[in-house]
Amino acid sequence: METKVLVTGATGATGKNAIIKLVELNIPVRALVHKIDARSAELAALGVEIVEGDLSDLNSVSAALKGISAAYFVYPIQVPGLIEATAYFIQAALEENVGHIVNMSQRTARRNSPSHAAQNHWISERLFDQSGIPVTHLRPTLFAEWLSYFAGEIKGNNRLISPFTDIAYAPIAGEDTGRVIASILADPESFAGQTLELYGPEELTQEQVTEQLSEVLGRKITYIPMEIDAFGEVLKQYFTPYFVQHIGGVAQDFKSGISGGMNKHVEQITGQYPISIRDYIQKNIALFK
């Protein structure tokens, strides 16, 4: 089969950056998008084939996977439906003889996770493993893009709120995760059967993240620690109950030390050092000013 890869979540942080790198590598790409809009037009301008569809629709998934040699699967963390989408993707991939799947999971995925979403990611991993299709699971820690969820608080109230207290973790940018995805899709046999934890270049507490926000933005940003339940009440104004429950579970995991750690996977796989949280803030400074 001619090499052609499918990227789902194509206009998101990981999918878009994976596509940019795949285009650089001269690998033909098909992008699955929810709707044709300005963001998909940007991808089309790169020479990417655009297909409109939904991971919750088996027929559109089958159409998207037709003629595909390897695929990147990612499902939005904010809403339920991952298990069904995984089953559809596996069935369609088997029917279309897809040779490899890169599955976006998360660092806290495990059977006894307090987060329903993280537990569902663990189940999704097991379904992919049992499918017989070669798969690579990615388990990134919290994305640097987490800060964008609270851009309004940072911009309007000069504060960052979270229940993560003084726990350190190494946030990773979607930019780096996208390059990892592209590198695996370009050479899938080298990564088949692996589960890769992904981290940014430096472990930081929320207080240290806030200090870097202050330095880059040129004004004082204050970190406000909150209890998990109180934080959940704040999140309810902006996010689905499913996502709020997930974040509460992640916060519990943080306090247990589960989300910590470091490795050199990004650098080893992509040949490029991951960007720092300071770099991420600088590149996205318009969000916070």
C-alpha atoms as a PDB file:
ATOM      1  CA  MET A   1       0.000   0.000   0.000  1.00  0.00           C
ATOM      2  CA  GLU A   2       1.203   3.495  -0.822  1.00  0.00           C
ATOM      3  CA  THR A   3       2.094   5.440   2.309  1.00  0.00           C
ATOM      4  CA  LYS A   4      -0.650   7.878   3.236  1.00  0.00           C
ATOM      5  CA  VAL A   5      -1.511   8.785   6.798  1.00  0.00           C
ATOM      6  CA  LEU A   6      -4.715   9.969   8.425  1.00  0.00           C
ATOM      7  CA  VAL A   7      -4.620  12.597  11.150  1.00  0.00           C
ATOM      8  CA  THR A   8      -7.728  13.033  13.296  1.00  0.00           C
ATOM      9  CA  GLY A   9      -8.164  16.115  15.453  1.00  0.00           C
ATOM     10  CA  ALA A  10      -6.463  17.798  12.531  1.00  0.00           C
ATOM     11  CA  THR A  11      -7.108  21.401  13.570  1.00  0.00           C
ATOM     12  CA  GLY A  12      -6.164  20.807  17.228  1.00  0.00           C
ATOM     13  CA  ALA A  13      -2.823  21.431  18.888  1.00  0.00           C
ATOM     14  CA  THR A  14      -1.386  17.952  18.334  1.00  0.00           C
ATOM     15  CA  GLY A  15      -3.019  17.131  15.004  1.00  0.00           C
ATOM     16  CA  LYS A  16      -2.146  20.398  13.286  1.00  0.00           C
ATOM     17  CA  ASN A  17       1.482  20.246  14.385  1.00  0.00           C
ATOM     18  CA  ALA A  18       1.729  16.601  13.332  1.00  0.00           C
ATOM     19  CA  ILE A  19       0.479  17.577   9.876  1.00  0.00           C
ATOM     20  CA  ILE A  20       2.981  20.418   9.539  1.00  0.00           C
ATOM     21  CA  LYS A  21       5.839  18.015  10.281  1.00  0.00           C
ATOM     22  CA  LEU A  22       4.463  15.282   8.001  1.00  0.00           C
ATOM     23  CA  VAL A  23       4.265  17.776   5.136  1.00  0.00           C
ATOM     24  CA  GLU A  24       7.910  18.707   5.808  1.00  0.00           C
ATOM     25  CA  LEU A  25       8.730  14.996   5.547  1.00  0.00           C
ATOM     26  CA  ASN A  26       6.861  14.777   2.205  1.00  0.00           C
ATOM     27  CA  ILE A  27       4.427  12.199   3.557  1.00  0.00           C
ATOM     28  CA  PRO A  28       0.933  12.413   1.999  1.00  0.00           C
ATOM     29  CA  VAL A  29      -1.659  13.368   4.616  1.00  0.00           C
ATOM     30  CA  ARG A  30      -5.426  13.133   4.881  1.00  0.00           C
ATOM     31  CA  ALA A  31      -6.944  15.283   7.617  1.00  0.00           C
ATOM     32  CA  LEU A  32     -10.230  14.417   9.309  1.00  0.00           C
ATOM     33  CA  VAL A  33     -12.044  17.575  10.445  1.00  0.00           C
ATOM     34  CA  HIS A  34     -15.451  18.223  12.004  1.00  0.00           C
ATOM     35  CA  LYS A  35     -16.229  20.973   9.532  1.00  0.00           C
ATOM     36  CA  ILE A  36     -14.742  22.799   6.594  1.00  0.00           C
ATOM     37  CA  ASP A  37     -13.677  26.237   7.799  1.00  0.00           C
ATOM     38  CA  ALA A  38     -10.752  28.652   7.835  1.00  0.00           C
ATOM     39  CA  ARG A  39      -8.642  26.265   9.906  1.00  0.00           C
ATOM     40  CA  SER A  40      -9.132  23.379   7.493  1.00  0.00           C
ATOM     41  CA  ALA A  41      -8.436  25.770   4.612  1.00  0.00           C
ATOM     42  CA  GLU A  42      -4.998  26.452   6.121  1.00  0.00           C
ATOM     43  CA  LEU A  43      -4.269  22.728   6.031  1.00  0.00           C
ATOM     44  CA  ALA A  44      -5.563  22.390   2.480  1.00  0.00           C
ATOM     45  CA  ALA A  45      -3.188  25.165   1.462  1.00  0.00           C
ATOM     46  CA  LEU A  46      -0.331  22.900   2.593  1.00  0.00           C
ATOM     47  CA  GLY A  47      -1.458  20.251   0.106  1.00  0.00           C
ATOM     48  CA  VAL A  48      -3.337  18.169   2.671  1.00  0.00           C
ATOM     49  CA  GLU A  49      -6.420  16.201   1.626  1.00  0.00           C
ATOM     50  CA  ILE A  50      -9.353  17.335   3.774  1.00  0.00           C
ATOM     51  CA  VAL A  51     -12.281  15.060   4.674  1.00  0.00           C
ATOM     52  CA  GLU A  52     -15.211  16.081   6.830  1.00  0.00           C
ATOM     53  CA  GLY A  53     -16.471  13.567   9.369  1.00  0.00           C
ATOM     54  CA  ASP A  54     -16.950  12.538  12.968  1.00  0.00           C
ATOM     55  CA  LEU A  55     -15.301   9.843  15.077  1.00  0.00           C
ATOM     56  CA  SER A  56     -18.745   8.932  16.441  1.00  0.00           C
ATOM     57  CA  ASP A  57     -19.936   7.978  12.930  1.00  0.00           C
ATOM     58  CA  LEU A  58     -18.677   4.587  11.745  1.00  0.00           C
ATOM     59  CA  ASN A  59     -19.318   5.272   8.075  1.00  0.00           C
ATOM     60  CA  SER A  60     -17.396   8.549   8.034  1.00  0.00           C
ATOM     61  CA  VAL A  61     -14.512   6.907   9.925  1.00  0.00           C
ATOM     62  CA  SER A  62     -14.443   4.078   7.359  1.00  0.00           C
ATOM     63  CA  ALA A  63     -14.383   6.566   4.512  1.00  0.00           C
ATOM     64  CA  ALA A  64     -11.577   8.537   6.157  1.00  0.00           C
ATOM     65  CA  LEU A  65      -9.440   5.394   6.623  1.00  0.00           C
ATOM     66  CA  LYS A  66      -9.826   4.085   3.068  1.00  0.00           C
ATOM     67  CA  GLY A  67      -6.376   3.738   1.470  1.00  0.00           C
ATOM     68  CA  ILE A  68      -4.582   4.770   4.677  1.00  0.00           C
ATOM     69  CA  SER A  69      -1.379   3.032   5.800  1.00  0.00           C
ATOM     70  CA  ALA A  70      -1.141   4.559   9.314  1.00  0.00           C
ATOM     71  CA  ALA A  71      -3.354   6.820  11.415  1.00  0.00           C
ATOM     72  CA  TYR A  72      -3.326   9.123  14.407  1.00  0.00           C
ATOM     73  CA  PHE A  73      -6.324   8.741  16.736  1.00  0.00           C
ATOM     74  CA  VAL A  74      -7.239  11.442  19.240  1.00  0.00           C
ATOM     75  CA  TYR A  75     -10.578  12.043  20.935  1.00  0.00           C
ATOM     76  CA  PRO A  76     -11.543  15.292  22.716  1.00  0.00           C
ATOM     77  CA  ILE A  77     -11.048  14.987  26.470  1.00  0.00           C
ATOM     78  CA  GLN A  78     -13.909  17.373  27.240  1.00  0.00           C
ATOM     79  CA  VAL A  79     -16.733  15.025  26.231  1.00  0.00           C
ATOM     80  CA  PRO A  80     -17.684  11.365  26.770  1.00  0.00           C
ATOM     81  CA  GLY A  81     -17.766   8.864  23.894  1.00  0.00           C
ATOM     82  CA  LEU A  82     -14.143   7.685  23.728  1.00  0.00           C
ATOM     83  CA  ILE A  83     -14.891   3.966  24.084  1.00  0.00           C
ATOM     84  CA  GLU A  84     -17.459   3.967  21.268  1.00  0.00           C
ATOM     85  CA  ALA A  85     -15.168   6.048  19.051  1.00  0.00           C
ATOM     86  CA  THR A  86     -12.295   3.629  19.724  1.00  0.00           C
ATOM     87  CA  ALA A  87     -14.458   0.653  18.749  1.00  0.00           C
ATOM     88  CA  TYR A  88     -15.551   2.354  15.527  1.00  0.00           C
ATOM     89  CA  PHE A  89     -11.977   3.297  14.682  1.00  0.00           C
ATOM     90  CA  ILE A  90     -10.694  -0.240  15.272  1.00  0.00           C
ATOM     91  CA  GLN A  91     -13.438  -1.838  13.193  1.00  0.00           C
ATOM     92  CA  ALA A  92     -12.923   0.578  10.312  1.00  0.00           C
ATOM     93  CA  ALA A  93      -9.138   0.189  10.515  1.00  0.00           C
ATOM     94  CA  LEU A  94      -9.449  -3.607  10.349  1.00  0.00           C
ATOM     95  CA  GLU A  95     -11.761  -3.382   7.351  1.00  0.00           C
ATOM     96  CA  GLU A  96      -9.395  -1.008   5.556  1.00  0.00           C
ATOM     97  CA  ASN A  97      -6.187  -2.903   6.506  1.00  0.00           C
ATOM     98  CA  VAL A  98      -4.579   0.051   8.280  1.00  0.00           C
ATOM     99  CA  GLY A  99      -1.060  -0.953   9.257  1.00  0.00           C
ATOM    100  CA  HIS A 100      -0.449   1.158  12.376  1.00  0.00           C
ATOM    101  CA  ILE A 101      -2.272   3.449  14.810  1.00  0.00           C
ATOM    102  CA  VAL A 102      -0.792   6.146  17.031  1.00  0.00           C
ATOM    103  CA  ASN A 103      -3.186   6.512  19.943  1.00  0.00           C
ATOM    104  CA  MET A 104      -3.314   9.658  22.065  1.00  0.00           C
ATOM    105  CA  SER A 105      -3.868   8.578  25.650  1.00  0.00           C
ATOM    106  CA  GLN A 106      -2.748  10.465  28.771  1.00  0.00           C
ATOM    107  CA  ARG A 107      -0.249  10.210  31.590  1.00  0.00           C
ATOM    108  CA  THR A 108      -2.878   9.313  34.202  1.00  0.00           C
ATOM    109  CA  ALA A 109      -4.516   6.505  32.191  1.00  0.00           C
ATOM    110  CA  ARG A 110      -4.930   3.443  34.390  1.00  0.00           C
ATOM    111  CA  ARG A 111      -7.617   1.042  35.541  1.00  0.00           C
ATOM    112  CA  ASN A 112      -8.170   2.585  38.971  1.00  0.00           C
ATOM    113  CA  SER A 113      -7.930   6.239  37.974  1.00  0.00           C
ATOM    114  CA  PRO A 114     -10.300   8.567  39.880  1.00  0.00           C
ATOM    115  CA  SER A 115     -10.969  10.300  36.539  1.00  0.00           C
ATOM    116  CA  HIS A 116     -13.584   8.630  34.335  1.00  0.00           C
ATOM    117  CA  ALA A 117     -11.876  10.061  31.250  1.00  0.00           C
ATOM    118  CA  ALA A 118      -8.460   8.726  32.259  1.00  0.00           C
ATOM    119  CA  GLN A 119      -9.950   5.326  33.045  1.00  0.00           C
ATOM    120  CA  ASN A 120     -11.641   5.350  29.632  1.00  0.00           C
ATOM    121  CA  HIS A 121      -8.281   6.080  28.022  1.00  0.00           C
ATOM    122  CA  TRP A 122      -6.879   2.990  29.728  1.00  0.00           C
ATOM    123  CA  ILE A 123      -9.771   0.920  28.367  1.00  0.00           C
ATOM    124  CA  SER A 124      -9.228   2.465  24.929  1.00  0.00           C
ATOM    125  CA  GLU A 125      -5.575   1.393  25.054  1.00  0.00           C
ATOM    126  CA  ARG A 126      -6.597  -2.184  25.890  1.00  0.00           C
ATOM    127  CA  LEU A 127      -9.076  -2.276  23.000  1.00  0.00           C
ATOM    128  CA  PHE A 128      -6.402  -1.122  20.575  1.00  0.00           C
ATOM    129  CA  ASP A 129      -3.986  -3.725  21.971  1.00  0.00           C
ATOM    130  CA  GLN A 130      -6.544  -6.506  21.533  1.00  0.00           C
ATOM    131  CA  SER A 131      -7.371  -5.450  17.966  1.00  0.00           C
ATOM    132  CA  GLY A 132      -4.177  -6.955  16.575  1.00  0.00           C
ATOM    133  CA  ILE A 133      -3.334  -3.716  14.762  1.00  0.00           C
ATOM    134  CA  PRO A 134       0.175  -2.489  15.626  1.00  0.00           C
ATOM    135  CA  VAL A 135      -0.268   0.507  17.917  1.00  0.00           C
ATOM    136  CA  THR A 136       1.809   3.097  19.744  1.00  0.00           C
ATOM    137  CA  HIS A 137       0.245   4.700  22.812  1.00  0.00           C
ATOM    138  CA  LEU A 138       1.270   8.225  23.794  1.00  0.00           C
ATOM    139  CA  ARG A 139       0.876   9.289  27.415  1.00  0.00           C
ATOM    140  CA  PRO A 140       1.741  12.977  27.729  1.00  0.00           C
ATOM    141  CA  THR A 141       1.574  14.803  31.031  1.00  0.00           C
ATOM    142  CA  LEU A 142      -0.507  18.002  31.126  1.00  0.00           C
ATOM    143  CA  PHE A 143      -0.124  20.091  27.996  1.00  0.00           C
ATOM    144  CA  ALA A 144       1.310  23.604  28.110  1.00  0.00           C
ATOM    145  CA  GLU A 145      -1.986  24.503  26.399  1.00  0.00           C
ATOM    146  CA  TRP A 146      -3.606  23.988  29.805  1.00  0.00           C
ATOM    147  CA  LEU A 147      -2.763  27.644  30.432  1.00  0.00           C
ATOM    148  CA  SER A 148      -5.007  28.701  27.555  1.00  0.00           C
ATOM    149  CA  TYR A 149      -8.039  27.354  29.451  1.00  0.00           C
ATOM    150  CA  PHE A 150      -7.433  30.088  32.002  1.00  0.00           C
ATOM    151  CA  ALA A 151      -6.403  32.852  29.644  1.00  0.00           C
ATOM    152  CA  GLY A 152      -9.415  34.906  30.734  1.00  0.00           C
ATOM    153  CA  GLU A 153      -8.380  34.754  34.399  1.00  0.00           C
ATOM    154  CA  ILE A 154      -4.777  35.580  33.522  1.00  0.00           C
ATOM    155  CA  LYS A 155      -5.730  38.401  31.184  1.00  0.00           C
ATOM    156  CA  GLY A 156      -8.583  39.888  33.185  1.00  0.00           C
ATOM    157  CA  ASN A 157      -7.679  39.151  36.803  1.00  0.00           C
ATOM    158  CA  ASN A 158      -3.903  38.686  36.709  1.00  0.00           C
ATOM    159  CA  ARG A 159      -4.152  35.335  38.414  1.00  0.00           C
ATOM    160  CA  LEU A 160      -3.718  31.628  37.757  1.00  0.00           C
ATOM    161  CA  ILE A 161      -5.949  29.304  39.747  1.00  0.00           C
ATOM    162  CA  SER A 162      -5.560  25.542  40.194  1.00  0.00           C
ATOM    163  CA  PRO A 163      -5.694  22.768  42.799  1.00  0.00           C
ATOM    164  CA  PHE A 164      -2.172  21.547  42.012  1.00  0.00           C
ATOM    165  CA  THR A 165      -0.589  23.380  44.982  1.00  0.00           C
ATOM    166  CA  ASP A 166       3.193  22.836  45.083  1.00  0.00           C
ATOM    167  CA  ILE A 167       3.313  19.691  42.931  1.00  0.00           C
ATOM    168  CA  ALA A 168       5.851  19.894  40.093  1.00  0.00           C
ATOM    169  CA  TYR A 169       5.277  18.517  36.594  1.00  0.00           C
ATOM    170  CA  ALA A 170       6.862  19.032  33.172  1.00  0.00           C
ATOM    171  CA  PRO A 171       4.204  20.528  30.845  1.00  0.00           C
ATOM    172  CA  ILE A 172       4.578  19.541  27.198  1.00  0.00           C
ATOM    173  CA  ALA A 173       3.449  21.652  24.255  1.00  0.00           C
ATOM    174  CA  GLY A 174       1.173  20.348  21.514  1.00  0.00           C
ATOM    175  CA  GLU A 175       3.879  21.502  19.124  1.00  0.00           C
ATOM    176  CA  ASP A 176       6.312  18.911  20.467  1.00  0.00           C
ATOM    177  CA  THR A 177       3.694  16.197  20.783  1.00  0.00           C
ATOM    178  CA  GLY A 178       2.752  16.785  17.149  1.00  0.00           C
ATOM    179  CA  ARG A 179       6.343  16.272  16.064  1.00  0.00           C
ATOM    180  CA  VAL A 180       6.468  13.003  18.011  1.00  0.00           C
ATOM    181  CA  ILE A 181       3.278  11.828  16.304  1.00  0.00           C
ATOM    182  CA  ALA A 182       4.645  12.682  12.861  1.00  0.00           C
ATOM    183  CA  SER A 183       7.944  10.949  13.562  1.00  0.00           C
ATOM    184  CA  ILE A 184       6.141   7.752  14.572  1.00  0.00           C
ATOM    185  CA  LEU A 185       3.792   7.855  11.578  1.00  0.00           C
ATOM    186  CA  ALA A 186       6.848   8.283   9.344  1.00  0.00           C
ATOM    187  CA  ASP A 187       8.526   5.178  10.827  1.00  0.00           C
ATOM    188  CA  PRO A 188       5.782   3.150  12.533  1.00  0.00           C
ATOM    189  CA  GLU A 189       7.597  -0.184  12.672  1.00  0.00           C
ATOM    190  CA  SER A 190      10.211   1.260  15.021  1.00  0.00           C
ATOM    191  CA  PHE A 191       7.535   2.160  17.601  1.00  0.00           C
ATOM    192  CA  ALA A 192       4.990  -0.657  17.321  1.00  0.00           C
ATOM    193  CA  GLY A 193       3.823  -1.972  20.672  1.00  0.00           C
ATOM    194  CA  GLN A 194       5.360   0.859  22.682  1.00  0.00           C
ATOM    195  CA  THR A 195       3.745   3.095  25.303  1.00  0.00           C
ATOM    196  CA  LEU A 196       5.602   6.396  25.464  1.00  0.00           C
ATOM    197  CA  GLU A 197       5.291   8.900  28.288  1.00  0.00           C
ATOM    198  CA  LEU A 198       5.965  12.425  27.065  1.00  0.00           C
ATOM    199  CA  TYR A 199       7.229  15.390  29.080  1.00  0.00           C
ATOM    200  CA  GLY A 200       8.378  18.923  28.532  1.00  0.00           C
ATOM    201  CA  PRO A 201      11.936  20.030  29.363  1.00  0.00           C
ATOM    202  CA  GLU A 202      11.464  21.120  32.983  1.00  0.00           C
ATOM    203  CA  GLU A 203       9.403  20.227  36.043  1.00  0.00           C
ATOM    204  CA  LEU A 204       7.666  23.293  37.462  1.00  0.00           C
ATOM    205  CA  THR A 205       5.231  24.048  40.244  1.00  0.00           C
ATOM    206  CA  GLN A 206       2.262  26.300  39.544  1.00  0.00           C
ATOM    207  CA  GLU A 207       4.033  29.045  41.477  1.00  0.00           C
ATOM    208  CA  GLN A 208       7.014  28.762  39.113  1.00  0.00           C
ATOM    209  CA  VAL A 209       4.719  28.781  36.072  1.00  0.00           C
ATOM    210  CA  THR A 210       3.145  31.963  37.416  1.00  0.00           C
ATOM    211  CA  GLU A 211       6.565  33.552  37.867  1.00  0.00           C
ATOM    212  CA  GLN A 212       7.346  32.878  34.217  1.00  0.00           C
ATOM    213  CA  LEU A 213       3.985  34.287  33.160  1.00  0.00           C
ATOM    214  CA  SER A 214       4.803  37.458  35.107  1.00  0.00           C
ATOM    215  CA  GLU A 215       8.241  37.811  33.517  1.00  0.00           C
ATOM    216  CA  VAL A 216       7.029  37.273  29.938  1.00  0.00           C
ATOM    217  CA  LEU A 217       3.901  39.409  30.273  1.00  0.00           C
ATOM    218  CA  GLY A 218       5.668  42.173  32.177  1.00  0.00           C
ATOM    219  CA  ARG A 219       3.100  42.353  34.978  1.00  0.00           C
ATOM    220  CA  LYS A 220       2.458  40.536  38.236  1.00  0.00           C
ATOM    221  CA  ILE A 221       0.452  37.330  37.900  1.00  0.00           C
ATOM    222  CA  THR A 222      -0.538  35.701  41.191  1.00  0.00           C
ATOM    223  CA  TYR A 223      -1.009  31.997  41.758  1.00  0.00           C
ATOM    224  CA  ILE A 224      -4.179  31.162  43.706  1.00  0.00           C
ATOM    225  CA  PRO A 225      -4.238  27.570  45.020  1.00  0.00           C
ATOM    226  CA  MET A 226      -7.694  26.087  45.457  1.00  0.00           C
ATOM    227  CA  GLU A 227      -9.197  22.932  46.919  1.00  0.00           C
ATOM    228  CA  ILE A 228     -10.319  20.410  44.307  1.00  0.00           C
ATOM    229  CA  ASP A 229     -14.063  20.815  44.964  1.00  0.00           C
ATOM    230  CA  ALA A 230     -13.888  24.612  44.915  1.00  0.00           C
ATOM    231  CA  PHE A 231     -11.882  24.506  41.704  1.00  0.00           C
ATOM    232  CA  GLY A 232     -14.511  22.242  40.182  1.00  0.00           C
ATOM    233  CA  GLU A 233     -17.182  24.820  40.956  1.00  0.00           C
ATOM    234  CA  VAL A 234     -15.182  27.406  39.009  1.00  0.00           C
ATOM    235  CA  LEU A 235     -14.721  25.032  36.068  1.00  0.00           C
ATOM    236  CA  LYS A 236     -18.457  24.354  35.864  1.00  0.00           C
ATOM    237  CA  GLN A 237     -18.861  27.846  34.423  1.00  0.00           C
ATOM    238  CA  TYR A 238     -16.801  26.923  31.376  1.00  0.00           C
ATOM    239  CA  PHE A 239     -16.649  23.151  30.853  1.00  0.00           C
ATOM    240  CA  THR A 240     -18.759  20.010  30.707  1.00  0.00           C
ATOM    241  CA  PRO A 241     -19.398  17.984  33.902  1.00  0.00           C
ATOM    242  CA  TYR A 242     -17.422  15.133  32.325  1.00  0.00           C
ATOM    243  CA  PHE A 243     -14.343  17.344  31.944  1.00  0.00           C
ATOM    244  CA  VAL A 244     -14.755  18.854  35.409  1.00  0.00           C
ATOM    245  CA  GLN A 245     -14.806  15.354  36.915  1.00  0.00           C
ATOM    246  CA  HIS A 246     -11.690  14.497  34.908  1.00  0.00           C
ATOM    247  CA  ILE A 247      -9.757  17.509  36.171  1.00  0.00           C
ATOM    248  CA  GLY A 248     -10.723  16.662  39.739  1.00  0.00           C
ATOM    249  CA  GLY A 249      -9.287  13.200  39.207  1.00  0.00           C
ATOM    250  CA  VAL A 250      -6.123  14.612  37.656  1.00  0.00           C
ATOM    251  CA  ALA A 251      -5.697  16.884  40.666  1.00  0.00           C
ATOM    252  CA  GLN A 252      -5.944  13.882  42.983  1.00  0.00           C
ATOM    253  CA  ASP A 253      -3.308  12.117  40.893  1.00  0.00           C
ATOM    254  CA  PHE A 254      -1.054  15.164  41.035  1.00  0.00           C
ATOM    255  CA  LYS A 255      -1.213  15.178  44.801  1.00  0.00           C
ATOM    256  CA  SER A 256      -0.260  11.488  44.745  1.00  0.00           C
ATOM    257  CA  GLY A 257       2.782  12.240  42.573  1.00  0.00           C
ATOM    258  CA  ILE A 258       1.520  10.230  39.604  1.00  0.00           C
ATOM    259  CA  SER A 259       1.959  12.989  37.018  1.00  0.00           C
ATOM    260  CA  GLY A 260       5.580  13.770  37.835  1.00  0.00           C
ATOM    261  CA  GLY A 261       8.640  12.498  36.023  1.00  0.00           C
ATOM    262  CA  MET A 262      11.002  13.297  33.191  1.00  0.00           C
ATOM    263  CA  ASN A 263      12.530  11.554  30.170  1.00  0.00           C
ATOM    264  CA  LYS A 264      14.143  12.395  26.830  1.00  0.00           C
ATOM    265  CA  HIS A 265      11.609  10.792  24.497  1.00  0.00           C
ATOM    266  CA  VAL A 266      10.749  14.003  22.653  1.00  0.00           C
ATOM    267  CA  GLU A 267      14.380  14.797  21.932  1.00  0.00           C
ATOM    268  CA  GLN A 268      15.271  11.199  21.047  1.00  0.00           C
ATOM    269  CA  ILE A 269      12.312  10.697  18.718  1.00  0.00           C
ATOM    270  CA  THR A 270      12.221  14.083  16.985  1.00  0.00           C
ATOM    271  CA  GLY A 271      15.853  15.189  17.243  1.00  0.00           C
ATOM    272  CA  GLN A 272      14.623  18.442  18.730  1.00  0.00           C
ATOM    273  CA  TYR A 273      14.590  19.640  22.344  1.00  0.00           C
ATOM    274  CA  PRO A 274      11.040  20.318  23.601  1.00  0.00           C
ATOM    275  CA  ILE A 275       9.997  23.926  24.072  1.00  0.00           C
ATOM    276  CA  SER A 276       9.736  25.368  27.569  1.00  0.00           C
ATOM    277  CA  ILE A 277       6.631  26.804  29.191  1.00  0.00           C
ATOM    278  CA  ARG A 278       8.276  30.217  28.825  1.00  0.00           C
ATOM    279  CA  ASP A 279       8.590  29.636  25.065  1.00  0.00           C
ATOM    280  CA  TYR A 280       4.957  28.558  24.921  1.00  0.00           C
ATOM    281  CA  ILE A 281       3.808  31.711  26.723  1.00  0.00           C
ATOM    282  CA  GLN A 282       5.909  33.900  24.440  1.00  0.00           C
ATOM    283  CA  LYS A 283       4.599  32.219  21.289  1.00  0.00           C
ATOM    284  CA  ASN A 284       1.017  32.628  22.483  1.00  0.00           C
ATOM    285  CA  ILE A 285       1.370  35.940  24.290  1.00  0.00           C
ATOM    286  CA  ALA A 286      -1.727  37.400  22.603  1.00  0.00           C
ATOM    287  CA  LEU A 287      -3.854  34.961  24.614  1.00  0.00           C
ATOM    288  CA  PHE A 288      -2.733  36.470  27.898  1.00  0.00           C
ATOM    289  CA  LYS A 289      -2.352  40.173  27.124  1.00  0.00           C
END
